[in-house]
Protein backbone atom coordinates (compact mmCIF):
# COMPACT_ATOMS: atom_id res chain seq x y z
CA MET A 1 179.17 223.94 151.02
CA VAL A 2 177.64 224.21 147.56
CA LYS A 3 174.74 221.92 146.67
CA VAL A 4 173.55 220.61 143.31
CA ALA A 5 169.80 220.40 142.74
CA VAL A 6 168.83 217.70 140.24
CA LEU A 7 165.29 217.53 138.89
CA GLN A 8 163.90 215.05 136.39
CA VAL A 9 160.41 215.60 135.03
CA LYS A 10 158.53 213.13 132.83
CA LEU A 11 155.84 214.65 130.63
CA TYR A 12 153.10 213.11 128.48
CA ALA A 13 152.09 214.95 125.31
CA PRO A 14 149.24 213.01 123.63
CA TRP A 15 148.97 215.41 120.66
CA VAL A 16 152.56 214.79 119.50
CA HIS A 17 152.67 212.45 116.48
CA SER A 18 156.29 212.67 115.34
CA LEU A 19 159.76 212.98 116.79
CA LYS A 20 160.16 216.28 114.92
CA GLU A 21 157.10 217.68 116.68
CA LYS A 22 158.39 216.38 120.02
CA ARG A 23 161.80 218.02 119.46
CA MET A 24 160.10 221.37 118.82
CA VAL A 25 158.20 221.11 122.13
CA ALA A 26 161.34 220.02 124.00
CA LYS A 27 163.59 222.68 122.45
CA SER A 28 161.17 225.47 123.35
CA LEU A 29 160.65 224.31 126.93
CA LEU A 30 164.36 223.71 127.55
CA ALA A 31 165.28 227.17 126.25
CA LYS A 32 162.66 228.78 128.49
CA LEU A 33 163.94 226.88 131.56
CA ARG A 34 167.57 227.81 130.83
CA ASN A 35 166.73 231.48 130.29
CA LYS A 36 164.47 231.92 133.31
CA PHE A 37 166.38 229.90 135.92
CA GLN A 38 169.99 229.90 134.61
CA VAL A 39 170.20 226.10 134.87
CA SER A 40 171.50 223.24 132.74
CA ALA A 41 168.61 221.42 131.09
CA ALA A 42 168.35 218.63 128.53
CA GLU A 43 166.13 215.84 127.28
CA VAL A 44 167.58 212.86 129.13
CA GLU A 45 165.51 209.75 128.38
CA GLU A 46 162.88 208.32 126.04
CA GLN A 47 164.22 210.27 123.04
CA ASP A 48 162.66 207.80 120.59
CA VAL A 49 159.17 207.82 122.15
CA HIS A 50 156.86 210.34 120.45
CA GLN A 51 154.55 211.28 123.31
CA THR A 52 156.90 211.01 126.29
CA LEU A 53 159.36 213.75 127.15
CA VAL A 54 161.85 213.40 130.02
CA ILE A 55 163.67 216.57 131.01
CA GLY A 56 166.64 216.68 133.34
CA VAL A 57 167.65 219.92 135.06
CA ALA A 58 170.67 220.64 137.24
CA ALA A 59 171.45 223.81 139.21
CA ILE A 60 174.10 224.87 141.67
CA VAL A 61 172.61 226.34 144.85
CA PRO A 62 174.07 227.57 148.13
CA HIS A 63 171.86 225.43 150.43
CA SER A 64 169.15 222.77 150.46
CA ALA A 65 166.28 225.15 151.21
CA GLN A 66 167.02 227.12 148.06
CA ALA A 67 167.26 223.87 146.09
CA ASP A 68 163.75 222.89 147.20
CA SER A 69 162.21 226.26 146.33
CA LEU A 70 164.01 226.34 142.96
CA MET A 71 162.74 222.88 142.04
CA ASP A 72 159.20 223.84 143.11
CA ALA A 73 159.40 226.95 140.92
CA MET A 74 160.69 224.98 137.94
CA VAL A 75 157.92 222.37 138.19
CA GLN A 76 155.31 225.14 138.37
CA PHE A 77 156.96 226.89 135.39
CA ILE A 78 156.86 223.66 133.35
CA GLU A 79 153.16 223.20 134.18
CA GLU A 80 152.43 226.77 133.05
CA ASN A 81 154.51 226.70 129.87
CA THR A 82 153.50 223.47 128.17
CA GLU A 83 150.27 221.63 127.46
CA ALA A 84 152.03 218.35 128.27
CA GLN A 85 151.00 216.69 131.52
CA ILE A 86 153.57 215.96 134.22
CA VAL A 87 153.33 212.25 135.00
CA ASP A 88 156.41 211.83 137.20
CA GLU A 89 159.09 213.88 138.89
CA GLU A 90 162.26 212.97 140.75
CA ARG A 91 164.28 215.33 142.92
CA GLU A 92 167.72 214.99 144.39
CA ILE A 93 170.04 217.33 146.26
CA ARG A 94 173.70 216.38 146.19
């Protein structure tokens, strides 16, 4: 049976001073995630808070083990591709 991996990552970007600047950071990171992992990704919460970015990612996977490794890889990719600090992460496999 097919599984859905759902990942939500909350990031803190202290250098961001406007929503326009935040959108540029979010747009770049989301495009990189979509291109590298072939997943659905969007900014899901805190859209009006300058220095907080919450990204939601969903992917269809064949089994739970692959879901775990995919989510690990995405978190590592986010750490490597933005200066923002990960402050929280939630994972779910449905």
